[in-house]
Protein backbone atom coordinates (compact mmCIF):
# COMPACT_ATOMS: atom_id res chain seq x y z
CA MET A 1 43.16 145.03 134.95
CA PHE A 2 44.20 148.63 135.40
CA SER A 3 42.87 151.83 136.88
CA ILE A 4 42.18 154.94 134.83
CA ASN A 5 43.24 156.96 137.87
CA LYS A 6 46.88 157.65 138.63
CA ALA A 7 48.07 155.69 141.67
CA HIS A 8 49.30 157.80 144.57
CA PRO A 9 53.07 157.11 144.63
CA TRP A 10 53.17 156.84 148.43
CA HIS A 11 50.07 154.73 149.05
CA GLY A 12 49.11 153.23 145.68
CA VAL A 13 52.48 151.81 144.60
CA SER A 14 53.68 148.56 146.18
CA ILE A 15 56.97 148.46 148.04
CA GLY A 16 57.59 145.13 146.30
CA ALA A 17 57.29 141.48 147.24
CA ASP A 18 61.03 141.13 147.94
CA ALA A 19 61.38 144.01 150.39
CA PRO A 20 63.61 144.81 152.20
CA ALA A 21 66.25 143.14 149.98
CA GLU A 22 64.76 144.79 146.89
CA VAL A 23 62.43 147.77 147.02
CA THR A 24 60.40 149.94 144.72
CA VAL A 25 61.57 153.56 144.63
CA PHE A 26 59.66 156.63 143.54
CA VAL A 27 62.26 159.07 142.20
CA GLU A 28 61.55 162.72 143.01
CA ILE A 29 64.79 164.44 141.95
CA VAL A 30 67.85 163.54 139.90
CA PRO A 31 71.39 164.98 139.74
CA GLY A 32 71.29 168.25 137.86
CA ASP A 33 67.93 169.39 139.20
CA THR A 34 68.33 172.94 140.50
CA VAL A 35 65.26 172.78 142.72
CA LYS A 36 64.24 170.12 145.22
CA TYR A 37 60.97 168.44 144.33
CA GLU A 38 58.96 166.32 146.70
CA VAL A 39 55.62 164.58 146.50
CA ASP A 40 52.63 166.50 147.79
CA LYS A 41 51.17 164.09 150.33
CA THR A 42 47.58 164.96 149.50
CA SER A 43 47.55 164.89 145.70
CA GLY A 44 50.53 162.66 144.93
CA TYR A 45 51.90 165.17 142.43
CA LEU A 46 55.43 166.54 142.55
CA MET A 47 55.76 170.04 143.96
CA ILE A 48 58.72 172.37 144.36
CA ASP A 49 59.97 172.25 147.94
CA ARG A 50 62.86 174.71 147.68
CA PRO A 51 65.82 175.66 145.46
CA GLN A 52 68.94 173.57 145.93
CA GLN A 53 71.40 175.44 148.14
CA TYR A 54 74.71 176.89 147.00
CA SER A 55 77.18 174.05 147.56
CA ASN A 56 74.76 171.20 147.01
CA VAL A 57 75.38 168.70 144.25
CA LEU A 58 72.90 165.86 144.48
CA PRO A 59 75.08 162.72 144.47
CA SER A 60 72.49 160.32 143.06
CA ASN A 61 68.84 159.83 142.23
CA TYR A 62 66.72 160.70 145.26
CA GLY A 63 63.23 159.66 146.27
CA PHE A 64 61.34 157.51 148.73
CA VAL A 65 60.19 153.96 149.36
CA PRO A 66 56.40 153.63 148.91
CA GLN A 67 54.28 152.28 151.76
CA THR A 68 56.79 153.36 154.41
CA TYR A 69 56.66 156.04 157.10
CA CYS A 70 59.18 157.42 159.58
CA GLY A 71 57.37 157.45 162.90
CA GLU A 72 57.96 156.20 166.41
CA THR A 73 59.43 152.81 165.41
CA ILE A 74 62.07 154.60 163.34
CA ALA A 75 62.68 157.04 166.20
CA ASN A 76 63.14 154.22 168.70
CA LEU A 77 65.58 152.48 166.38
CA ALA A 78 67.67 155.65 166.16
CA ARG A 79 67.52 156.17 169.93
CA SER A 80 68.96 152.70 170.43
CA GLN A 81 72.01 153.59 168.35
CA THR A 82 72.92 157.16 169.33
CA ASP A 83 73.08 159.49 172.33
CA ILE A 84 71.74 162.37 170.24
CA THR A 85 68.29 163.41 171.41
CA ILE A 86 65.65 162.04 169.03
CA THR A 87 62.20 163.56 169.44
CA SER A 88 60.42 161.61 166.69
CA GLY A 89 60.65 160.31 163.16
CA ASP A 90 60.37 162.99 160.48
CA GLY A 91 56.80 162.09 159.52
CA ASP A 92 57.60 161.34 155.87
CA PRO A 93 58.08 158.23 153.74
CA LEU A 94 61.55 156.68 154.04
CA ASP A 95 64.10 158.53 151.89
CA ILE A 96 66.35 156.57 149.55
CA LEU A 97 69.21 157.44 147.18
CA VAL A 98 69.86 155.20 144.19
CA LEU A 99 73.23 154.94 142.47
CA SER A 100 73.48 154.03 138.79
CA GLU A 101 75.98 154.34 135.97
CA HIS A 102 73.10 155.45 133.75
CA HIS A 103 71.84 159.00 133.43
CA ILE A 104 68.19 159.16 134.45
CA PRO A 105 67.00 162.48 132.98
CA ARG A 106 63.95 163.10 135.12
CA GLY A 107 62.10 162.20 138.28
CA ASP A 108 58.45 161.20 138.70
CA ILE A 109 59.30 157.59 137.85
CA ILE A 110 59.50 154.29 139.71
CA LEU A 111 62.37 151.81 139.68
CA LYS A 112 63.66 148.77 141.55
CA ALA A 113 66.72 149.09 143.78
CA LYS A 114 68.90 147.01 146.09
CA PRO A 115 69.61 148.65 149.49
CA ILE A 116 73.25 148.45 150.63
CA GLY A 117 73.28 150.70 153.71
CA GLY A 118 72.34 154.13 154.88
CA PHE A 119 72.84 157.15 157.10
CA CYS A 120 70.86 158.16 160.17
CA LEU A 121 70.41 161.89 159.75
CA VAL A 122 69.06 163.96 162.62
CA ASP A 123 67.20 167.08 161.47
CA HIS A 124 66.02 169.36 164.30
CA GLY A 125 65.80 166.33 166.56
CA GLU A 126 63.89 164.18 164.08
CA ALA A 127 65.25 160.86 162.80
CA ASP A 128 65.49 161.21 159.02
CA ASP A 129 67.14 158.05 157.69
CA LYS A 130 68.61 158.02 154.20
CA ILE A 131 68.86 154.57 152.65
CA VAL A 132 71.58 154.11 150.01
CA ALA A 133 70.82 151.65 147.22
CA VAL A 134 71.95 150.61 143.76
CA LEU A 135 69.75 150.32 140.68
CA LYS A 136 68.64 146.75 140.06
CA GLY A 137 70.69 145.24 137.24
CA ASP A 138 73.22 148.09 137.09
CA LYS A 139 76.45 146.72 135.61
CA VAL A 140 78.73 149.12 137.50
CA PHE A 141 77.09 149.82 140.87
CA GLY A 142 75.32 146.46 141.02
CA GLN A 143 78.58 144.88 142.21
CA TYR A 144 78.31 146.68 145.57
CA ASN A 145 76.51 144.94 148.42
CA GLU A 146 77.58 147.13 151.35
CA LEU A 147 77.87 150.88 151.89
CA ALA A 148 81.47 150.40 153.07
CA GLU A 149 82.37 148.90 149.67
CA LEU A 150 81.61 152.14 147.84
CA PRO A 151 84.57 154.38 146.94
CA GLU A 152 85.34 156.79 149.75
CA GLY A 153 84.69 159.76 147.49
CA ILE A 154 81.09 158.70 146.89
CA ARG A 155 80.46 158.23 150.60
CA GLU A 156 81.95 161.67 151.27
CA ARG A 157 79.62 163.22 148.68
CA PHE A 158 76.63 161.72 150.42
CA ALA A 159 77.79 163.05 153.79
CA HIS A 160 78.46 166.54 152.39
CA TYR A 161 75.05 166.70 150.75
CA PHE A 162 73.20 165.63 153.89
CA LEU A 163 75.07 168.14 156.05
CA THR A 164 74.56 171.10 153.72
CA TYR A 165 71.37 170.63 151.72
CA LYS A 166 69.31 172.75 154.13
CA THR A 167 72.08 175.12 155.26
CA LEU A 168 72.69 178.64 153.94
CA PRO A 169 76.28 179.94 153.63
CA GLY A 170 77.58 181.17 156.98
CA ALA A 171 74.82 179.49 158.95
CA GLU A 172 75.23 176.57 161.32
CA ASN A 173 74.27 173.12 160.10
CA VAL A 174 70.72 172.18 161.03
CA CYS A 175 71.37 168.50 160.31
CA GLU A 176 73.88 166.04 161.70
CA ILE A 177 74.77 162.49 160.79
CA ALA A 178 74.35 160.33 163.87
CA TYR A 179 75.85 157.22 162.27
CA SER A 180 76.05 155.20 159.08
CA TYR A 181 75.23 151.54 158.64
CA GLY A 182 75.45 148.58 156.29
CA ARG A 183 73.01 146.39 154.41
CA GLU A 184 71.55 144.34 157.26
CA ALA A 185 70.92 147.45 159.34
CA ALA A 186 69.31 149.08 156.30
CA TYR A 187 66.93 146.14 156.12
CA GLY A 188 66.05 146.80 159.75
CA VAL A 189 65.35 150.47 159.03
CA ILE A 190 63.13 149.56 156.07
CA ASN A 191 61.20 147.04 158.16
CA ALA A 192 60.77 149.65 160.90
CA ALA A 193 59.41 152.12 158.34
CA ILE A 194 57.03 149.45 157.03
CA ALA A 195 55.81 148.91 160.60
CA ASP A 196 55.31 152.66 161.08
CA TYR A 197 53.34 152.82 157.83
CA ALA A 198 51.06 150.03 159.05
CA LEU A 199 50.43 152.02 162.23
CA LEU A 200 49.81 155.19 160.21
CA THR A 201 47.26 153.59 157.91
CA ALA A 202 45.56 151.93 160.88
CA GLY A 203 45.22 155.34 162.49
CA ASN A 204 47.62 154.61 165.34
CA ALA A 205 50.70 156.62 164.34
C-alpha cells in the first residue's frame, strides 16, 4: 500500500532497520549548490536558508537522518567529551554528510549510507554533530570504514567548511570543532539522536 500524501522527510521516512550501521539520509544540498537549503520543519518542503558564504565549497552531499533529534541526550554526550560549554543540542535532526564518487545533481532525495565517523561542532554553545558517511555500495568511498582512513585532504575540507560556512569575511568564527570521532562513536551519536527523537515525539524533549 502507499499514501497519496507526500511523507514528511523528518517524521514520515524511516531511519532504517539497520541503524546505526546503515541509515537513511534525506539529502538537502549537494556540491555546487550556491544557496543552503534546509527542510521546513512544518511543511517538510525544502526552503532557502541562506546563500553559501564566500569561501565555502560544500565537500559532499549534505542532509539529515530522519527520525533523529539533537536534544539533551546529544548535549550530554558532547559534555562528556569536551570542556567547551554546551548549553543544549541544536534542536534539529542529526546532520550527515555523504561521500560518493558519483555526481548527485540535486537534493530532495533519500539514500542509504554507512556512517564512518563525525565531528562535534559547537555553534553558539549548541552541540551540532556532523556525521560523515559513505554512500551504500559506492565502489570508491565504500572501502572506507573509519573517518581516519579518509585522505587528509578530504578531512581538511570538512573542517574548513564547518568552521566557515556561517562566517562572513573578516568576522570571527561562530563555530568551533570540539573533537572528531570514528565509526563506533558515530553509532553512539546516532543512537543518542534516536533517543532524543523518541523524547521529542513523546512530548518530553
